[in-house]
């Protein structure tokens, strides 16, 4: 896609689609890299990042997907958050996974609210995702982070999303 972009006119409407393909291919590469790092338990490259930016970049990839067309997205992002030490690519993937799970729980209709704020102790950042879906049945709560646990039908999920997300958040000293 990058080679095609080089040969295109600047105003070509297909240019943005090709750029998105290139960006998604890079994101897929990062996902595989993250899975391998998680499996090996090697630390990701950490650097100062803007949590709100990571959330907005994750939303950018999801907002135009069919599952999100009838979902109202409300962002309550604190603009005064400090940069945190983290891996933007990994955190973006975690945020996207949570937001996709929310869209599926709402069956494509409802409201997703994303909130960021400083914790009262001022030593950590709170990131909250809430949706108008039916919620998680109480008998599943203790299992949702278990590898390969899924409530989805065969072929619809691996049960690794929340498990890997949990590991990434722990690597970032989060809860």
N, C-alpha and C. Protein backbone atom coordinates (compact mmCIF):
# COMPACT_ATOMS: atom_id res chain seq x y z
N UNK A 1 0.82 -1.19 0.00
CA UNK A 1 0.00 0.00 0.00
C UNK A 1 0.87 1.26 0.00
N UNK A 2 2.02 1.20 0.70
CA UNK A 2 2.91 2.36 0.68
C UNK A 2 3.45 2.63 -0.72
N UNK A 3 3.73 1.57 -1.47
CA UNK A 3 4.21 1.76 -2.84
C UNK A 3 3.13 2.37 -3.73
N UNK A 4 1.88 1.95 -3.53
CA UNK A 4 0.78 2.54 -4.30
C UNK A 4 0.59 4.01 -3.96
N UNK A 5 0.74 4.36 -2.70
CA UNK A 5 0.58 5.75 -2.27
C UNK A 5 1.61 6.64 -2.97
N UNK A 6 2.84 6.14 -3.12
CA UNK A 6 3.90 6.92 -3.76
C UNK A 6 3.53 7.32 -5.19
N UNK A 7 2.79 6.46 -5.89
CA UNK A 7 2.42 6.73 -7.29
C UNK A 7 1.12 7.49 -7.45
N UNK A 8 0.46 7.84 -6.35
CA UNK A 8 -0.85 8.49 -6.43
C UNK A 8 -0.74 10.00 -6.38
N UNK A 9 -1.76 10.62 -6.95
CA UNK A 9 -1.90 12.07 -6.85
C UNK A 9 -2.29 12.41 -5.41
N UNK A 10 -1.90 13.58 -4.94
CA UNK A 10 -2.19 13.99 -3.57
C UNK A 10 -3.67 14.01 -3.24
N UNK A 11 -4.52 14.39 -4.18
CA UNK A 11 -5.96 14.51 -3.92
C UNK A 11 -6.76 13.24 -4.14
N UNK A 12 -6.10 12.15 -4.50
CA UNK A 12 -6.81 10.90 -4.79
C UNK A 12 -7.53 10.40 -3.54
N UNK A 13 -8.85 10.15 -3.62
CA UNK A 13 -9.60 9.69 -2.44
C UNK A 13 -9.16 8.31 -1.94
N UNK A 14 -8.54 7.51 -2.78
CA UNK A 14 -8.09 6.18 -2.37
C UNK A 14 -6.84 6.25 -1.49
N UNK A 15 -6.19 7.39 -1.52
CA UNK A 15 -4.95 7.57 -0.76
C UNK A 15 -5.17 7.32 0.75
N UNK A 16 -6.25 7.86 1.29
CA UNK A 16 -6.54 7.69 2.72
C UNK A 16 -6.83 6.22 3.05
N UNK A 17 -7.51 5.51 2.16
CA UNK A 17 -7.77 4.08 2.37
C UNK A 17 -6.46 3.30 2.40
N UNK A 18 -5.57 3.61 1.48
CA UNK A 18 -4.28 2.92 1.45
C UNK A 18 -3.44 3.24 2.68
N UNK A 19 -3.52 4.47 3.14
CA UNK A 19 -2.80 4.83 4.35
C UNK A 19 -3.34 4.04 5.54
N UNK A 20 -4.65 3.88 5.59
CA UNK A 20 -5.26 3.10 6.68
C UNK A 20 -4.81 1.63 6.60
N UNK A 21 -4.73 1.08 5.38
CA UNK A 21 -4.25 -0.30 5.22
C UNK A 21 -2.83 -0.42 5.75
N UNK A 22 -1.97 0.54 5.40
CA UNK A 22 -0.59 0.51 5.88
C UNK A 22 -0.54 0.62 7.40
N UNK A 23 -1.36 1.52 7.97
CA UNK A 23 -1.39 1.69 9.42
C UNK A 23 -1.89 0.42 10.12
N UNK A 24 -2.91 -0.21 9.55
CA UNK A 24 -3.45 -1.44 10.15
C UNK A 24 -2.46 -2.59 10.05
N UNK A 25 -1.72 -2.66 8.95
CA UNK A 25 -0.69 -3.70 8.82
C UNK A 25 0.38 -3.51 9.89
N UNK A 26 0.75 -2.27 10.12
CA UNK A 26 1.73 -1.97 11.17
C UNK A 26 1.15 -2.34 12.54
N UNK A 27 -0.12 -2.04 12.75
CA UNK A 27 -0.77 -2.38 14.02
C UNK A 27 -0.79 -3.90 14.22
N UNK A 28 -1.08 -4.65 13.16
CA UNK A 28 -1.08 -6.11 13.26
C UNK A 28 0.31 -6.63 13.62
N UNK A 29 1.33 -6.02 13.02
CA UNK A 29 2.70 -6.41 13.35
C UNK A 29 2.96 -6.18 14.84
N UNK A 30 2.47 -5.05 15.36
CA UNK A 30 2.66 -4.74 16.77
C UNK A 30 1.89 -5.70 17.67
N UNK A 31 0.71 -6.14 17.22
CA UNK A 31 -0.07 -7.10 18.01
C UNK A 31 0.70 -8.41 18.14
N UNK A 32 1.21 -8.90 17.02
CA UNK A 32 1.98 -10.15 17.04
C UNK A 32 3.21 -9.97 17.92
N UNK A 33 3.89 -8.85 17.78
CA UNK A 33 5.06 -8.57 18.61
C UNK A 33 4.68 -8.57 20.09
N UNK A 34 3.54 -7.93 20.41
CA UNK A 34 3.08 -7.88 21.80
C UNK A 34 2.76 -9.27 22.33
N UNK A 35 2.11 -10.10 21.51
CA UNK A 35 1.81 -11.46 21.94
C UNK A 35 3.08 -12.25 22.21
N UNK A 36 4.08 -12.06 21.35
CA UNK A 36 5.34 -12.76 21.56
C UNK A 36 6.04 -12.25 22.81
N UNK A 37 6.01 -10.94 23.04
CA UNK A 37 6.61 -10.38 24.25
C UNK A 37 5.88 -10.91 25.48
N UNK A 38 4.55 -10.97 25.40
CA UNK A 38 3.76 -11.47 26.52
C UNK A 38 4.11 -12.93 26.80
N UNK A 39 4.22 -13.72 25.74
CA UNK A 39 4.52 -15.15 25.90
C UNK A 39 5.91 -15.35 26.50
N UNK A 40 6.85 -14.50 26.11
CA UNK A 40 8.21 -14.61 26.63
C UNK A 40 8.40 -13.86 27.93
N UNK A 41 7.40 -13.04 28.29
CA UNK A 41 7.46 -12.18 29.48
C UNK A 41 8.65 -11.22 29.41
N UNK A 42 9.00 -10.76 28.21
CA UNK A 42 10.01 -9.71 28.09
C UNK A 42 9.29 -8.39 28.12
N UNK A 43 9.95 -7.41 28.64
CA UNK A 43 9.31 -6.11 28.79
C UNK A 43 9.23 -5.35 27.47
N UNK A 44 8.13 -4.64 27.24
CA UNK A 44 8.00 -3.81 26.05
C UNK A 44 8.82 -2.54 26.21
N UNK A 45 9.06 -1.86 25.10
CA UNK A 45 9.77 -0.57 25.15
C UNK A 45 8.84 0.46 25.79
N UNK A 46 9.26 1.00 26.90
CA UNK A 46 8.45 1.98 27.63
C UNK A 46 8.99 3.38 27.36
N UNK A 47 8.06 4.32 27.22
CA UNK A 47 8.42 5.72 27.00
C UNK A 47 7.26 6.59 27.47
N UNK A 48 7.48 7.87 27.65
CA UNK A 48 6.37 8.74 28.08
C UNK A 48 5.29 8.81 27.00
N UNK A 49 4.04 8.54 27.41
CA UNK A 49 2.94 8.58 26.44
C UNK A 49 1.75 9.34 26.99
N UNK A 50 0.93 9.80 26.07
CA UNK A 50 -0.30 10.51 26.40
C UNK A 50 -1.45 9.49 26.30
N UNK A 51 -2.03 9.14 27.43
CA UNK A 51 -3.11 8.15 27.48
C UNK A 51 -4.29 8.58 26.61
N UNK A 52 -4.68 9.85 26.69
CA UNK A 52 -5.81 10.32 25.89
C UNK A 52 -5.56 10.14 24.40
N UNK A 53 -4.34 10.40 23.98
CA UNK A 53 -4.00 10.22 22.57
C UNK A 53 -4.11 8.75 22.17
N UNK A 54 -3.62 7.85 23.02
CA UNK A 54 -3.71 6.42 22.73
C UNK A 54 -5.18 5.99 22.60
N UNK A 55 -6.04 6.52 23.47
CA UNK A 55 -7.47 6.20 23.39
C UNK A 55 -8.07 6.74 22.10
N UNK A 56 -7.76 8.00 21.78
CA UNK A 56 -8.29 8.60 20.55
C UNK A 56 -7.82 7.87 19.30
N UNK A 57 -6.57 7.44 19.28
CA UNK A 57 -6.06 6.68 18.13
C UNK A 57 -6.76 5.33 18.02
N UNK A 58 -7.01 4.68 19.14
CA UNK A 58 -7.76 3.43 19.12
C UNK A 58 -9.17 3.64 18.61
N UNK A 59 -9.82 4.70 19.07
CA UNK A 59 -11.18 5.01 18.61
C UNK A 59 -11.22 5.33 17.12
N UNK A 60 -10.18 5.98 16.62
CA UNK A 60 -10.12 6.33 15.20
C UNK A 60 -10.28 5.08 14.33
N UNK A 61 -9.63 3.99 14.73
CA UNK A 61 -9.71 2.75 13.94
C UNK A 61 -11.06 2.06 14.07
N UNK A 62 -11.77 2.31 15.16
CA UNK A 62 -13.01 1.58 15.42
C UNK A 62 -14.27 2.32 14.99
N UNK A 63 -14.27 3.64 15.06
CA UNK A 63 -15.50 4.42 14.88
C UNK A 63 -16.24 4.14 13.58
N UNK A 64 -15.54 3.84 12.51
CA UNK A 64 -16.20 3.61 11.22
C UNK A 64 -16.48 2.14 10.93
N UNK A 65 -16.17 1.26 11.87
CA UNK A 65 -16.48 -0.15 11.67
C UNK A 65 -17.98 -0.37 11.88
N UNK A 66 -18.50 -1.34 11.20
CA UNK A 66 -19.95 -1.62 11.25
C UNK A 66 -20.46 -1.78 12.67
N UNK A 67 -19.69 -2.43 13.53
CA UNK A 67 -20.13 -2.69 14.91
C UNK A 67 -20.31 -1.39 15.70
N UNK A 68 -19.75 -0.29 15.24
CA UNK A 68 -19.81 0.97 15.98
C UNK A 68 -20.73 2.01 15.36
N UNK A 69 -21.35 1.71 14.23
CA UNK A 69 -22.14 2.71 13.52
C UNK A 69 -23.35 3.21 14.31
N UNK A 70 -23.93 2.36 15.15
CA UNK A 70 -25.10 2.76 15.95
C UNK A 70 -24.76 2.90 17.43
N UNK A 71 -23.49 3.17 17.70
CA UNK A 71 -23.06 3.35 19.08
C UNK A 71 -22.61 4.80 19.26
N UNK A 72 -23.19 5.44 20.26
CA UNK A 72 -22.77 6.79 20.60
C UNK A 72 -21.54 6.67 21.49
N UNK A 73 -20.50 7.39 21.12
CA UNK A 73 -19.26 7.35 21.89
C UNK A 73 -19.12 8.69 22.61
N UNK A 74 -19.07 8.61 23.93
CA UNK A 74 -18.91 9.80 24.76
C UNK A 74 -17.51 9.75 25.36
N UNK A 75 -16.73 10.80 25.10
CA UNK A 75 -15.37 10.88 25.64
C UNK A 75 -15.33 11.94 26.73
N UNK A 76 -14.90 11.51 27.90
CA UNK A 76 -14.69 12.42 29.03
C UNK A 76 -13.21 12.30 29.41
N UNK A 77 -12.38 12.87 28.57
CA UNK A 77 -10.93 12.71 28.73
C UNK A 77 -10.34 13.95 29.40
N UNK A 78 -9.71 13.75 30.54
CA UNK A 78 -9.09 14.84 31.30
C UNK A 78 -7.88 15.37 30.53
N UNK A 79 -7.94 16.63 30.06
CA UNK A 79 -6.84 17.18 29.27
C UNK A 79 -5.60 17.51 30.11
N UNK A 80 -5.71 17.43 31.43
CA UNK A 80 -4.58 17.79 32.29
C UNK A 80 -3.77 16.58 32.75
N UNK A 81 -4.07 15.40 32.21
CA UNK A 81 -3.33 14.21 32.63
C UNK A 81 -1.85 14.35 32.29
N UNK A 82 -0.99 13.88 33.18
CA UNK A 82 0.44 13.89 32.86
C UNK A 82 0.75 12.73 31.90
N UNK A 83 1.90 12.81 31.24
CA UNK A 83 2.36 11.68 30.46
C UNK A 83 2.68 10.55 31.43
N UNK A 84 2.45 9.32 30.98
CA UNK A 84 2.80 8.18 31.83
C UNK A 84 3.83 7.33 31.09
N UNK A 85 4.56 6.55 31.84
CA UNK A 85 5.55 5.65 31.26
C UNK A 85 4.81 4.42 30.76
N UNK A 86 4.90 4.14 29.47
CA UNK A 86 4.18 3.00 28.94
C UNK A 86 4.54 2.70 27.51
N UNK A 87 3.87 1.72 26.96
CA UNK A 87 4.04 1.34 25.56
C UNK A 87 2.73 1.67 24.86
N UNK A 88 2.75 2.71 24.05
CA UNK A 88 1.54 3.21 23.40
C UNK A 88 0.85 2.15 22.57
N UNK A 89 1.61 1.39 21.81
CA UNK A 89 1.03 0.38 20.94
C UNK A 89 0.28 -0.69 21.74
N UNK A 90 0.90 -1.16 22.81
CA UNK A 90 0.25 -2.19 23.63
C UNK A 90 -1.01 -1.64 24.30
N UNK A 91 -0.91 -0.44 24.86
CA UNK A 91 -2.08 0.12 25.55
C UNK A 91 -3.21 0.41 24.56
N UNK A 92 -2.87 0.88 23.38
CA UNK A 92 -3.89 1.14 22.36
C UNK A 92 -4.62 -0.15 22.03
N UNK A 93 -3.88 -1.25 21.92
CA UNK A 93 -4.49 -2.54 21.62
C UNK A 93 -5.42 -2.98 22.76
N UNK A 94 -5.00 -2.76 24.00
CA UNK A 94 -5.85 -3.09 25.15
C UNK A 94 -7.14 -2.28 25.09
N UNK A 95 -7.02 -0.97 24.85
CA UNK A 95 -8.19 -0.11 24.81
C UNK A 95 -9.13 -0.53 23.68
N UNK A 96 -8.57 -0.85 22.53
CA UNK A 96 -9.41 -1.28 21.40
C UNK A 96 -10.11 -2.59 21.72
N UNK A 97 -9.42 -3.51 22.37
CA UNK A 97 -10.03 -4.79 22.74
C UNK A 97 -11.22 -4.56 23.67
N UNK A 98 -11.05 -3.70 24.65
CA UNK A 98 -12.13 -3.42 25.60
C UNK A 98 -13.31 -2.77 24.88
N UNK A 99 -13.01 -1.84 23.96
CA UNK A 99 -14.09 -1.14 23.25
C UNK A 99 -14.83 -2.07 22.29
N UNK A 100 -14.11 -3.00 21.66
CA UNK A 100 -14.77 -3.99 20.78
C UNK A 100 -15.66 -4.90 21.62
N UNK A 101 -15.15 -5.33 22.78
CA UNK A 101 -15.97 -6.15 23.68
C UNK A 101 -17.24 -5.41 24.08
N UNK A 102 -17.11 -4.10 24.34
CA UNK A 102 -18.28 -3.29 24.72
C UNK A 102 -19.28 -3.25 23.57
N UNK A 103 -18.80 -3.03 22.35
CA UNK A 103 -19.70 -2.97 21.19
C UNK A 103 -20.43 -4.29 21.02
N UNK A 104 -19.73 -5.40 21.21
CA UNK A 104 -20.35 -6.71 21.10
C UNK A 104 -21.39 -6.92 22.20
N UNK A 105 -21.08 -6.47 23.41
CA UNK A 105 -22.02 -6.61 24.53
C UNK A 105 -23.28 -5.80 24.30
N UNK A 106 -23.15 -4.69 23.57
CA UNK A 106 -24.31 -3.83 23.30
C UNK A 106 -25.02 -4.25 22.01
N UNK A 107 -24.49 -5.29 21.37
CA UNK A 107 -25.04 -5.80 20.11
C UNK A 107 -25.19 -4.68 19.08
N UNK A 108 -24.16 -3.80 19.04
CA UNK A 108 -24.11 -2.77 18.02
C UNK A 108 -24.97 -1.54 18.27
N UNK A 109 -25.64 -1.45 19.42
CA UNK A 109 -26.49 -0.28 19.72
C UNK A 109 -26.31 0.11 21.18
N UNK A 110 -26.13 1.40 21.41
CA UNK A 110 -26.02 1.87 22.78
C UNK A 110 -25.03 3.00 22.91
N UNK A 111 -24.51 3.16 24.12
CA UNK A 111 -23.58 4.24 24.42
C UNK A 111 -22.34 3.67 25.08
N UNK A 112 -21.19 4.07 24.56
CA UNK A 112 -19.90 3.73 25.14
C UNK A 112 -19.32 5.02 25.69
N UNK A 113 -18.99 5.02 26.96
CA UNK A 113 -18.38 6.19 27.59
C UNK A 113 -16.96 5.85 28.00
N UNK A 114 -16.03 6.69 27.59
CA UNK A 114 -14.62 6.52 27.93
C UNK A 114 -14.21 7.72 28.78
N UNK A 115 -13.70 7.43 29.97
CA UNK A 115 -13.34 8.48 30.92
C UNK A 115 -11.89 8.31 31.36
N UNK A 116 -11.18 9.42 31.42
CA UNK A 116 -9.85 9.41 32.03
C UNK A 116 -9.82 10.49 33.10
N UNK A 117 -9.08 10.22 34.16
CA UNK A 117 -8.96 11.18 35.26
C UNK A 117 -7.77 10.79 36.13
N UNK A 118 -7.31 11.74 36.92
CA UNK A 118 -6.29 11.42 37.91
C UNK A 118 -6.99 10.77 39.10
N UNK A 119 -6.37 9.75 39.66
CA UNK A 119 -6.88 9.14 40.88
C UNK A 119 -6.74 10.16 42.01
N UNK A 120 -7.61 10.09 43.00
CA UNK A 120 -7.54 11.06 44.11
C UNK A 120 -6.16 11.14 44.76
N UNK A 121 -5.44 10.03 44.78
CA UNK A 121 -4.10 10.02 45.39
C UNK A 121 -3.08 10.75 44.52
N UNK A 122 -3.46 11.09 43.30
CA UNK A 122 -2.62 11.82 42.34
C UNK A 122 -1.37 11.06 41.91
N UNK A 123 -1.33 9.75 42.15
CA UNK A 123 -0.15 9.01 41.72
C UNK A 123 -0.48 8.01 40.61
N UNK A 124 -1.72 8.02 40.17
CA UNK A 124 -2.09 7.11 39.08
C UNK A 124 -3.24 7.68 38.26
N UNK A 125 -3.35 7.16 37.06
CA UNK A 125 -4.38 7.60 36.12
C UNK A 125 -5.50 6.56 36.10
N UNK A 126 -6.74 7.02 36.15
CA UNK A 126 -7.90 6.15 36.04
C UNK A 126 -8.38 6.18 34.60
N UNK A 127 -8.59 5.01 34.03
CA UNK A 127 -9.15 4.88 32.68
C UNK A 127 -10.37 3.99 32.83
N UNK A 128 -11.53 4.51 32.45
CA UNK A 128 -12.77 3.77 32.65
C UNK A 128 -13.55 3.67 31.34
N UNK A 129 -13.99 2.47 31.05
CA UNK A 129 -14.86 2.22 29.90
C UNK A 129 -16.18 1.72 30.45
N UNK A 130 -17.27 2.35 30.07
CA UNK A 130 -18.58 1.86 30.49
C UNK A 130 -19.49 1.83 29.27
N UNK A 131 -20.40 0.87 29.29
CA UNK A 131 -21.32 0.74 28.15
C UNK A 131 -22.71 0.41 28.65
N UNK A 132 -23.65 0.46 27.73
CA UNK A 132 -25.04 0.18 28.08
C UNK A 132 -25.43 -1.24 27.72
N UNK A 133 -24.45 -2.12 27.65
CA UNK A 133 -24.71 -3.54 27.38
C UNK A 133 -25.33 -4.23 28.58
N UNK A 134 -25.60 -5.51 28.41
CA UNK A 134 -26.30 -6.27 29.45
C UNK A 134 -25.43 -6.61 30.66
N UNK A 135 -24.13 -6.42 30.56
CA UNK A 135 -23.23 -6.69 31.69
C UNK A 135 -22.73 -8.12 31.68
N UNK A 136 -21.81 -8.38 32.57
CA UNK A 136 -21.20 -9.71 32.67
C UNK A 136 -21.94 -10.49 33.76
N UNK A 137 -22.43 -11.68 33.44
CA UNK A 137 -23.10 -12.48 34.47
C UNK A 137 -22.16 -12.73 35.66
N UNK A 138 -22.68 -12.65 36.88
CA UNK A 138 -21.85 -12.81 38.08
C UNK A 138 -21.01 -14.09 38.08
N UNK A 139 -21.55 -15.18 37.53
CA UNK A 139 -20.79 -16.44 37.55
C UNK A 139 -19.60 -16.44 36.59
N UNK A 140 -19.47 -15.42 35.73
CA UNK A 140 -18.33 -15.32 34.80
C UNK A 140 -17.26 -14.35 35.28
N UNK A 141 -17.60 -13.46 36.21
CA UNK A 141 -16.68 -12.40 36.63
C UNK A 141 -15.31 -12.95 37.03
N UNK A 142 -15.27 -14.02 37.77
CA UNK A 142 -13.98 -14.54 38.24
C UNK A 142 -13.18 -15.21 37.13
N UNK A 143 -13.78 -15.43 35.96
CA UNK A 143 -13.11 -16.16 34.88
C UNK A 143 -12.69 -15.28 33.70
N UNK A 144 -13.13 -14.02 33.66
CA UNK A 144 -12.97 -13.23 32.43
C UNK A 144 -11.51 -12.99 32.03
N UNK A 145 -10.58 -13.07 32.96
CA UNK A 145 -9.17 -12.87 32.61
C UNK A 145 -8.42 -14.19 32.42
N UNK A 146 -9.11 -15.32 32.55
CA UNK A 146 -8.47 -16.62 32.35
C UNK A 146 -8.18 -16.83 30.86
N UNK A 147 -6.96 -17.28 30.54
CA UNK A 147 -6.66 -17.57 29.13
C UNK A 147 -7.63 -18.60 28.57
N UNK A 148 -8.10 -18.33 27.38
CA UNK A 148 -9.00 -19.18 26.60
C UNK A 148 -10.43 -19.26 27.13
N UNK A 149 -10.76 -18.48 28.16
CA UNK A 149 -12.16 -18.43 28.60
C UNK A 149 -12.90 -17.46 27.68
N UNK A 150 -13.99 -17.92 27.11
CA UNK A 150 -14.81 -17.06 26.27
C UNK A 150 -16.27 -17.45 26.40
N UNK A 151 -17.13 -16.48 26.26
CA UNK A 151 -18.56 -16.74 26.23
C UNK A 151 -19.06 -16.72 24.79
N UNK A 152 -18.15 -16.46 23.87
CA UNK A 152 -18.53 -16.37 22.46
C UNK A 152 -18.63 -17.76 21.84
N UNK A 153 -19.44 -17.85 20.80
CA UNK A 153 -19.58 -19.14 20.13
C UNK A 153 -18.29 -19.51 19.41
N UNK A 154 -18.15 -20.76 19.08
CA UNK A 154 -16.94 -21.26 18.43
C UNK A 154 -16.70 -20.49 17.14
N UNK A 155 -15.46 -20.07 16.97
CA UNK A 155 -15.08 -19.31 15.78
C UNK A 155 -15.24 -17.81 15.92
N UNK A 156 -15.82 -17.36 17.03
CA UNK A 156 -16.06 -15.92 17.23
C UNK A 156 -15.08 -15.29 18.21
N UNK A 157 -14.35 -16.08 18.95
CA UNK A 157 -13.40 -15.52 19.91
C UNK A 157 -12.48 -16.60 20.44
N UNK A 158 -11.27 -16.18 20.83
CA UNK A 158 -10.28 -17.15 21.33
C UNK A 158 -10.22 -17.19 22.85
N UNK A 159 -10.73 -16.15 23.49
CA UNK A 159 -10.60 -16.09 24.94
C UNK A 159 -9.24 -15.57 25.37
N UNK A 160 -8.50 -14.96 24.44
CA UNK A 160 -7.19 -14.42 24.79
C UNK A 160 -7.19 -12.91 24.98
N UNK A 161 -8.19 -12.22 24.46
CA UNK A 161 -8.20 -10.76 24.49
C UNK A 161 -8.04 -10.16 25.87
N UNK A 162 -8.91 -10.53 26.79
CA UNK A 162 -8.82 -9.97 28.14
C UNK A 162 -7.65 -10.53 28.92
N UNK A 163 -7.27 -11.76 28.64
CA UNK A 163 -6.12 -12.35 29.31
C UNK A 163 -4.83 -11.60 28.94
N UNK A 164 -4.63 -11.37 27.66
CA UNK A 164 -3.46 -10.62 27.20
C UNK A 164 -3.54 -9.18 27.71
N UNK A 165 -4.73 -8.59 27.66
CA UNK A 165 -4.92 -7.22 28.14
C UNK A 165 -4.54 -7.11 29.62
N UNK A 166 -4.94 -8.08 30.40
CA UNK A 166 -4.61 -8.11 31.82
C UNK A 166 -3.09 -8.12 32.01
N UNK A 167 -2.42 -8.95 31.24
CA UNK A 167 -0.95 -9.03 31.32
C UNK A 167 -0.29 -7.71 30.94
N UNK A 168 -0.80 -7.06 29.91
CA UNK A 168 -0.24 -5.77 29.48
C UNK A 168 -0.42 -4.73 30.58
N UNK A 169 -1.60 -4.68 31.17
CA UNK A 169 -1.85 -3.71 32.23
C UNK A 169 -0.95 -3.98 33.43
N UNK A 170 -0.75 -5.24 33.78
CA UNK A 170 0.16 -5.57 34.88
C UNK A 170 1.59 -5.12 34.56
N UNK A 171 2.03 -5.30 33.30
CA UNK A 171 3.36 -4.85 32.90
C UNK A 171 3.50 -3.34 33.05
N UNK A 172 2.38 -2.64 32.96
CA UNK A 172 2.38 -1.19 33.09
C UNK A 172 2.10 -0.74 34.54
N UNK A 173 2.21 -1.70 35.46
CA UNK A 173 1.98 -1.45 36.88
C UNK A 173 0.57 -0.96 37.17
N UNK A 174 -0.38 -1.43 36.35
CA UNK A 174 -1.76 -1.03 36.51
C UNK A 174 -2.60 -2.11 37.15
N UNK A 175 -3.85 -1.75 37.42
CA UNK A 175 -4.80 -2.68 38.02
C UNK A 175 -6.08 -2.63 37.22
